[in-house]
Amino acid sequence: MDITKEVDARGLNCPLPILKAKKALADMKSGEVLKVVATDPGSVRDFQAFARQTGNELVEQSSANDEFVHYLRRR
């Protein structure tokens, strides 16, 4: 997967990871992929809801070492 942009949202709690992702996606072209790294466990369900509400595709989510990684494809 080609990552176009990465957002470091470590240490930030809801809704800041979503807001940072939204801002980053606004500057991206359709089909490009954004990687977001967060430490907030709530970000997993937050990004699922965000993808449903905005029409962006949540390509993948993973977690390791208390970090949650989200990949979003711009609609």
PDB file of N, CA and C in Angstrom:
ATOM      1  N   MET A   1       0.856  -1.179   0.000  1.00  0.00           N
ATOM      2  CA  MET A   1       0.000   0.000   0.000  1.00  0.00           C
ATOM      3  C   MET A   1       0.904   1.245   0.000  1.00  0.00           C
ATOM      4  N   ASP A   2       0.640   2.145  -0.916  1.00  0.00           N
ATOM      5  CA  ASP A   2       1.409   3.389  -0.976  1.00  0.00           C
ATOM      6  C   ASP A   2       0.790   4.426  -0.051  1.00  0.00           C
ATOM      7  N   ILE A   3       1.560   4.866   0.924  1.00  0.00           N
ATOM      8  CA  ILE A   3       1.097   5.865   1.881  1.00  0.00           C
ATOM      9  C   ILE A   3       1.459   7.251   1.333  1.00  0.00           C
ATOM     10  N   THR A   4       0.464   8.093   1.168  1.00  0.00           N
ATOM     11  CA  THR A   4       0.696   9.439   0.652  1.00  0.00           C
ATOM     12  C   THR A   4       1.114  10.388   1.765  1.00  0.00           C
ATOM     13  N   LYS A   5       0.460  10.245   2.916  1.00  0.00           N
ATOM     14  CA  LYS A   5       0.698  11.173   4.024  1.00  0.00           C
ATOM     15  C   LYS A   5       0.540  10.409   5.329  1.00  0.00           C
ATOM     16  N   GLU A   6       1.284  10.827   6.358  1.00  0.00           N
ATOM     17  CA  GLU A   6       1.179  10.200   7.674  1.00  0.00           C
ATOM     18  C   GLU A   6       0.929  11.270   8.731  1.00  0.00           C
ATOM     19  N   VAL A   7       0.020  10.950   9.659  1.00  0.00           N
ATOM     20  CA  VAL A   7      -0.305  11.855  10.759  1.00  0.00           C
ATOM     21  C   VAL A   7       0.068  11.162  12.067  1.00  0.00           C
ATOM     22  N   ASP A   8       0.841  11.858  12.883  1.00  0.00           N
ATOM     23  CA  ASP A   8       1.211  11.346  14.206  1.00  0.00           C
ATOM     24  C   ASP A   8       0.252  11.954  15.226  1.00  0.00           C
ATOM     25  N   ALA A   9      -0.668  11.122  15.716  1.00  0.00           N
ATOM     26  CA  ALA A   9      -1.645  11.594  16.702  1.00  0.00           C
ATOM     27  C   ALA A   9      -1.391  10.939  18.062  1.00  0.00           C
ATOM     28  N   ARG A  10      -0.165  10.504  18.282  1.00  0.00           N
ATOM     29  CA  ARG A  10       0.186   9.886  19.565  1.00  0.00           C
ATOM     30  C   ARG A  10       0.003  10.898  20.691  1.00  0.00           C
ATOM     31  N   GLY A  11      -0.589  10.433  21.794  1.00  0.00           N
ATOM     32  CA  GLY A  11      -0.763  11.294  22.958  1.00  0.00           C
ATOM     33  C   GLY A  11      -1.994  12.189  22.883  1.00  0.00           C
ATOM     34  N   LEU A  12      -2.699  12.154  21.763  1.00  0.00           N
ATOM     35  CA  LEU A  12      -3.892  12.979  21.603  1.00  0.00           C
ATOM     36  C   LEU A  12      -5.143  12.147  21.849  1.00  0.00           C
ATOM     37  N   ASN A  13      -6.123  12.744  22.505  1.00  0.00           N
ATOM     38  CA  ASN A  13      -7.382  12.050  22.765  1.00  0.00           C
ATOM     39  C   ASN A  13      -8.476  12.616  21.873  1.00  0.00           C
ATOM     40  N   CYS A  14      -9.545  11.849  21.762  1.00  0.00           N
ATOM     41  CA  CYS A  14     -10.703  12.231  20.967  1.00  0.00           C
ATOM     42  C   CYS A  14     -11.126  13.658  21.319  1.00  0.00           C
ATOM     43  N   PRO A  15     -11.422  14.484  20.359  1.00  0.00           N
ATOM     44  CA  PRO A  15     -11.537  14.223  18.913  1.00  0.00           C
ATOM     45  C   PRO A  15     -10.308  14.633  18.107  1.00  0.00           C
ATOM     46  N   LEU A  16      -9.181  14.916  18.752  1.00  0.00           N
ATOM     47  CA  LEU A  16      -8.023  15.443  18.031  1.00  0.00           C
ATOM     48  C   LEU A  16      -7.465  14.531  16.927  1.00  0.00           C
ATOM     49  N   PRO A  17      -7.346  13.197  17.127  1.00  0.00           N
ATOM     50  CA  PRO A  17      -6.862  12.369  16.004  1.00  0.00           C
ATOM     51  C   PRO A  17      -7.763  12.480  14.764  1.00  0.00           C
ATOM     52  N   ILE A  18      -9.068  12.529  14.979  1.00  0.00           N
ATOM     53  CA  ILE A  18     -10.009  12.664  13.860  1.00  0.00           C
ATOM     54  C   ILE A  18      -9.847  14.028  13.192  1.00  0.00           C
ATOM     55  N   LEU A  19      -9.718  15.069  13.978  1.00  0.00           N
ATOM     56  CA  LEU A  19      -9.564  16.413  13.407  1.00  0.00           C
ATOM     57  C   LEU A  19      -8.281  16.534  12.586  1.00  0.00           C
ATOM     58  N   LYS A  20      -7.197  15.948  13.091  1.00  0.00           N
ATOM     59  CA  LYS A  20      -5.935  15.978  12.343  1.00  0.00           C
ATOM     60  C   LYS A  20      -6.069  15.189  11.039  1.00  0.00           C
ATOM     61  N   ALA A  21      -6.759  14.057  11.099  1.00  0.00           N
ATOM     62  CA  ALA A  21      -6.967  13.241   9.896  1.00  0.00           C
ATOM     63  C   ALA A  21      -7.827  13.994   8.882  1.00  0.00           C
ATOM     64  N   LYS A  22      -8.873  14.630   9.369  1.00  0.00           N
ATOM     65  CA  LYS A  22      -9.774  15.379   8.490  1.00  0.00           C
ATOM     66  C   LYS A  22      -9.012  16.489   7.759  1.00  0.00           C
ATOM     67  N   LYS A  23      -8.161  17.190   8.490  1.00  0.00           N
ATOM     68  CA  LYS A  23      -7.360  18.274   7.900  1.00  0.00           C
ATOM     69  C   LYS A  23      -6.396  17.715   6.853  1.00  0.00           C
ATOM     70  N   ALA A  24      -5.758  16.602   7.150  1.00  0.00           N
ATOM     71  CA  ALA A  24      -4.814  15.992   6.212  1.00  0.00           C
ATOM     72  C   ALA A  24      -5.532  15.504   4.951  1.00  0.00           C
ATOM     73  N   LEU A  25      -6.691  14.873   5.118  1.00  0.00           N
ATOM     74  CA  LEU A  25      -7.445  14.361   3.972  1.00  0.00           C
ATOM     75  C   LEU A  25      -7.900  15.485   3.046  1.00  0.00           C
ATOM     76  N   ALA A  26      -8.173  16.648   3.601  1.00  0.00           N
ATOM     77  CA  ALA A  26      -8.638  17.791   2.804  1.00  0.00           C
ATOM     78  C   ALA A  26      -7.585  18.215   1.774  1.00  0.00           C
ATOM     79  N   ASP A  27      -6.309  17.962   2.064  1.00  0.00           N
ATOM     80  CA  ASP A  27      -5.221  18.343   1.167  1.00  0.00           C
ATOM     81  C   ASP A  27      -4.799  17.217   0.225  1.00  0.00           C
ATOM     82  N   MET A  28      -5.526  16.093   0.261  1.00  0.00           N
ATOM     83  CA  MET A  28      -5.144  14.934  -0.535  1.00  0.00           C
ATOM     84  C   MET A  28      -6.078  14.743  -1.728  1.00  0.00           C
ATOM     85  N   LYS A  29      -5.577  14.006  -2.724  1.00  0.00           N
ATOM     86  CA  LYS A  29      -6.375  13.701  -3.913  1.00  0.00           C
ATOM     87  C   LYS A  29      -7.143  12.400  -3.699  1.00  0.00           C
ATOM     88  N   SER A  30      -8.199  12.228  -4.463  1.00  0.00           N
ATOM     89  CA  SER A  30      -9.006  11.008  -4.397  1.00  0.00           C
ATOM     90  C   SER A  30      -8.133   9.781  -4.650  1.00  0.00           C
ATOM     91  N   GLY A  31      -8.293   8.758  -3.805  1.00  0.00           N
ATOM     92  CA  GLY A  31      -7.548   7.513  -3.955  1.00  0.00           C
ATOM     93  C   GLY A  31      -6.253   7.456  -3.171  1.00  0.00           C
ATOM     94  N   GLU A  32      -5.773   8.600  -2.675  1.00  0.00           N
ATOM     95  CA  GLU A  32      -4.539   8.607  -1.897  1.00  0.00           C
ATOM     96  C   GLU A  32      -4.808   8.051  -0.492  1.00  0.00           C
ATOM     97  N   VAL A  33      -3.759   7.515   0.137  1.00  0.00           N
ATOM     98  CA  VAL A  33      -3.908   6.847   1.436  1.00  0.00           C
ATOM     99  C   VAL A  33      -3.230   7.642   2.546  1.00  0.00           C
ATOM    100  N   LEU A  34      -3.978   7.811   3.630  1.00  0.00           N
ATOM    101  CA  LEU A  34      -3.486   8.491   4.827  1.00  0.00           C
ATOM    102  C   LEU A  34      -3.268   7.456   5.925  1.00  0.00           C
ATOM    103  N   LYS A  35      -2.114   7.531   6.575  1.00  0.00           N
ATOM    104  CA  LYS A  35      -1.817   6.665   7.722  1.00  0.00           C
ATOM    105  C   LYS A  35      -1.879   7.532   8.971  1.00  0.00           C
ATOM    106  N   VAL A  36      -2.649   7.086   9.963  1.00  0.00           N
ATOM    107  CA  VAL A  36      -2.753   7.812  11.232  1.00  0.00           C
ATOM    108  C   VAL A  36      -2.296   6.885  12.354  1.00  0.00           C
ATOM    109  N   VAL A  37      -1.352   7.348  13.155  1.00  0.00           N
ATOM    110  CA  VAL A  37      -0.876   6.585  14.309  1.00  0.00           C
ATOM    111  C   VAL A  37      -1.378   7.289  15.567  1.00  0.00           C
ATOM    112  N   ALA A  38      -2.147   6.559  16.380  1.00  0.00           N
ATOM    113  CA  ALA A  38      -2.739   7.137  17.587  1.00  0.00           C
ATOM    114  C   ALA A  38      -2.486   6.226  18.786  1.00  0.00           C
ATOM    115  N   THR A  39      -2.597   6.804  19.977  1.00  0.00           N
ATOM    116  CA  THR A  39      -2.459   6.008  21.199  1.00  0.00           C
ATOM    117  C   THR A  39      -3.783   5.908  21.952  1.00  0.00           C
ATOM    118  N   ASP A  40      -4.801   6.614  21.494  1.00  0.00           N
ATOM    119  CA  ASP A  40      -6.121   6.591  22.133  1.00  0.00           C
ATOM    120  C   ASP A  40      -6.877   5.332  21.698  1.00  0.00           C
ATOM    121  N   PRO A  41      -7.180   4.411  22.639  1.00  0.00           N
ATOM    122  CA  PRO A  41      -7.904   3.185  22.266  1.00  0.00           C
ATOM    123  C   PRO A  41      -9.263   3.475  21.621  1.00  0.00           C
ATOM    124  N   GLY A  42      -9.867   4.599  21.968  1.00  0.00           N
ATOM    125  CA  GLY A  42     -11.153   4.967  21.384  1.00  0.00           C
ATOM    126  C   GLY A  42     -11.055   5.327  19.913  1.00  0.00           C
ATOM    127  N   SER A  43      -9.834   5.547  19.428  1.00  0.00           N
ATOM    128  CA  SER A  43      -9.657   5.936  18.026  1.00  0.00           C
ATOM    129  C   SER A  43     -10.097   4.825  17.073  1.00  0.00           C
ATOM    130  N   VAL A  44     -10.083   3.571  17.536  1.00  0.00           N
ATOM    131  CA  VAL A  44     -10.490   2.459  16.670  1.00  0.00           C
ATOM    132  C   VAL A  44     -11.940   2.648  16.228  1.00  0.00           C
ATOM    133  N   ARG A  45     -12.825   2.819  17.177  1.00  0.00           N
ATOM    134  CA  ARG A  45     -14.236   3.007  16.795  1.00  0.00           C
ATOM    135  C   ARG A  45     -14.489   4.399  16.217  1.00  0.00           C
ATOM    136  N   ASP A  46     -13.703   5.394  16.647  1.00  0.00           N
ATOM    137  CA  ASP A  46     -13.848   6.744  16.104  1.00  0.00           C
ATOM    138  C   ASP A  46     -13.573   6.769  14.600  1.00  0.00           C
ATOM    139  N   PHE A  47     -12.504   6.081  14.175  1.00  0.00           N
ATOM    140  CA  PHE A  47     -12.169   6.085  12.752  1.00  0.00           C
ATOM    141  C   PHE A  47     -13.155   5.248  11.936  1.00  0.00           C
ATOM    142  N   GLN A  48     -13.732   4.215  12.545  1.00  0.00           N
ATOM    143  CA  GLN A  48     -14.769   3.443  11.852  1.00  0.00           C
ATOM    144  C   GLN A  48     -15.979   4.336  11.575  1.00  0.00           C
ATOM    145  N   ALA A  49     -16.398   5.089  12.579  1.00  0.00           N
ATOM    146  CA  ALA A  49     -17.534   5.999  12.434  1.00  0.00           C
ATOM    147  C   ALA A  49     -17.203   7.127  11.460  1.00  0.00           C
ATOM    148  N   PHE A  50     -15.991   7.665  11.553  1.00  0.00           N
ATOM    149  CA  PHE A  50     -15.555   8.746  10.674  1.00  0.00           C
ATOM    150  C   PHE A  50     -15.613   8.309   9.204  1.00  0.00           C
ATOM    151  N   ALA A  51     -15.135   7.104   8.937  1.00  0.00           N
ATOM    152  CA  ALA A  51     -15.145   6.594   7.556  1.00  0.00           C
ATOM    153  C   ALA A  51     -16.584   6.448   7.046  1.00  0.00           C
ATOM    154  N   ARG A  52     -17.456   5.899   7.877  1.00  0.00           N
ATOM    155  CA  ARG A  52     -18.875   5.744   7.479  1.00  0.00           C
ATOM    156  C   ARG A  52     -19.511   7.097   7.183  1.00  0.00           C
ATOM    157  N   GLN A  53     -19.236   8.078   8.034  1.00  0.00           N
ATOM    158  CA  GLN A  53     -19.880   9.384   7.909  1.00  0.00           C
ATOM    159  C   GLN A  53     -19.344  10.213   6.741  1.00  0.00           C
ATOM    160  N   THR A  54     -18.062  10.027   6.391  1.00  0.00           N
ATOM    161  CA  THR A  54     -17.452  10.881   5.367  1.00  0.00           C
ATOM    162  C   THR A  54     -17.358  10.222   4.000  1.00  0.00           C
ATOM    163  N   GLY A  55     -17.532   8.898   3.946  1.00  0.00           N
ATOM    164  CA  GLY A  55     -17.412   8.209   2.668  1.00  0.00           C
ATOM    165  C   GLY A  55     -15.983   7.844   2.300  1.00  0.00           C
ATOM    166  N   ASN A  56     -15.022   8.179   3.161  1.00  0.00           N
ATOM    167  CA  ASN A  56     -13.649   7.742   2.942  1.00  0.00           C
ATOM    168  C   ASN A  56     -13.564   6.268   3.331  1.00  0.00           C
ATOM    169  N   GLU A  57     -12.679   5.524   2.669  1.00  0.00           N
ATOM    170  CA  GLU A  57     -12.572   4.093   2.937  1.00  0.00           C
ATOM    171  C   GLU A  57     -11.554   3.821   4.041  1.00  0.00           C
ATOM    172  N   LEU A  58     -11.991   3.097   5.067  1.00  0.00           N
ATOM    173  CA  LEU A  58     -11.077   2.647   6.115  1.00  0.00           C
ATOM    174  C   LEU A  58     -10.465   1.349   5.602  1.00  0.00           C
ATOM    175  N   VAL A  59      -9.263   1.444   5.075  1.00  0.00           N
ATOM    176  CA  VAL A  59      -8.627   0.313   4.409  1.00  0.00           C
ATOM    177  C   VAL A  59      -8.197  -0.747   5.413  1.00  0.00           C
ATOM    178  N   GLU A  60      -7.612  -0.298   6.530  1.00  0.00           N
ATOM    179  CA  GLU A  60      -7.056  -1.241   7.504  1.00  0.00           C
ATOM    180  C   GLU A  60      -6.887  -0.560   8.850  1.00  0.00           C
ATOM    181  N   GLN A  61      -6.979  -1.361   9.915  1.00  0.00           N
ATOM    182  CA  GLN A  61      -6.669  -0.900  11.267  1.00  0.00           C
ATOM    183  C   GLN A  61      -5.834  -1.986  11.926  1.00  0.00           C
ATOM    184  N   SER A  62      -4.832  -1.561  12.680  1.00  0.00           N
ATOM    185  CA  SER A  62      -4.031  -2.538  13.420  1.00  0.00           C
ATOM    186  C   SER A  62      -3.564  -1.897  14.720  1.00  0.00           C
ATOM    187  N   SER A  63      -3.114  -2.746  15.638  1.00  0.00           N
ATOM    188  CA  SER A  63      -2.598  -2.217  16.894  1.00  0.00           C
ATOM    189  C   SER A  63      -1.401  -3.035  17.344  1.00  0.00           C
ATOM    190  N   ALA A  64      -0.444  -2.342  17.947  1.00  0.00           N
ATOM    191  CA  ALA A  64       0.751  -2.985  18.497  1.00  0.00           C
ATOM    192  C   ALA A  64       1.407  -2.011  19.459  1.00  0.00           C
ATOM    193  N   ASN A  65       1.876  -2.513  20.576  1.00  0.00           N
ATOM    194  CA  ASN A  65       2.603  -1.689  21.556  1.00  0.00           C
ATOM    195  C   ASN A  65       1.826  -0.442  21.970  1.00  0.00           C
ATOM    196  N   ASP A  66       0.541  -0.611  22.271  1.00  0.00           N
ATOM    197  CA  ASP A  66      -0.317   0.498  22.709  1.00  0.00           C
ATOM    198  C   ASP A  66      -0.465   1.600  21.666  1.00  0.00           C
ATOM    199  N   GLU A  67      -0.209   1.274  20.408  1.00  0.00           N
ATOM    200  CA  GLU A  67      -0.438   2.219  19.317  1.00  0.00           C
ATOM    201  C   GLU A  67      -1.462   1.621  18.355  1.00  0.00           C
ATOM    202  N   PHE A  68      -2.282   2.498  17.810  1.00  0.00           N
ATOM    203  CA  PHE A  68      -3.337   2.084  16.892  1.00  0.00           C
ATOM    204  C   PHE A  68      -3.084   2.774  15.554  1.00  0.00           C
ATOM    205  N   VAL A  69      -3.016   1.970  14.502  1.00  0.00           N
ATOM    206  CA  VAL A  69      -2.692   2.499  13.184  1.00  0.00           C
ATOM    207  C   VAL A  69      -3.912   2.354  12.287  1.00  0.00           C
ATOM    208  N   HIS A  70      -4.269   3.456  11.633  1.00  0.00           N
ATOM    209  CA  HIS A  70      -5.460   3.515  10.791  1.00  0.00           C
ATOM    210  C   HIS A  70      -5.026   3.962   9.393  1.00  0.00           C
ATOM    211  N   TYR A  71      -5.551   3.282   8.379  1.00  0.00           N
ATOM    212  CA  TYR A  71      -5.261   3.645   6.991  1.00  0.00           C
ATOM    213  C   TYR A  71      -6.572   4.046   6.337  1.00  0.00           C
ATOM    214  N   LEU A  72      -6.634   5.262   5.832  1.00  0.00           N
ATOM    215  CA  LEU A  72      -7.837   5.788   5.193  1.00  0.00           C
ATOM    216  C   LEU A  72      -7.529   6.133   3.737  1.00  0.00           C
ATOM    217  N   ARG A  73      -8.412   5.692   2.827  1.00  0.00           N
ATOM    218  CA  ARG A  73      -8.270   6.076   1.417  1.00  0.00           C
ATOM    219  C   ARG A  73      -9.248   7.207   1.137  1.00  0.00           C
ATOM    220  N   ARG A  74      -8.715   8.297   0.614  1.00  0.00           N
ATOM    221  CA  ARG A  74      -9.534   9.478   0.321  1.00  0.00           C
ATOM    222  C   ARG A  74     -10.575   9.146  -0.745  1.00  0.00           C
ATOM    223  N   ARG A  75     -11.811   9.571  -0.501  1.00  0.00           N
ATOM    224  CA  ARG A  75     -12.871   9.289  -1.473  1.00  0.00           C
ATOM    225  C   ARG A  75     -12.747  10.174  -2.693  1.00  0.00           C
TER     226      ARG A  75
END
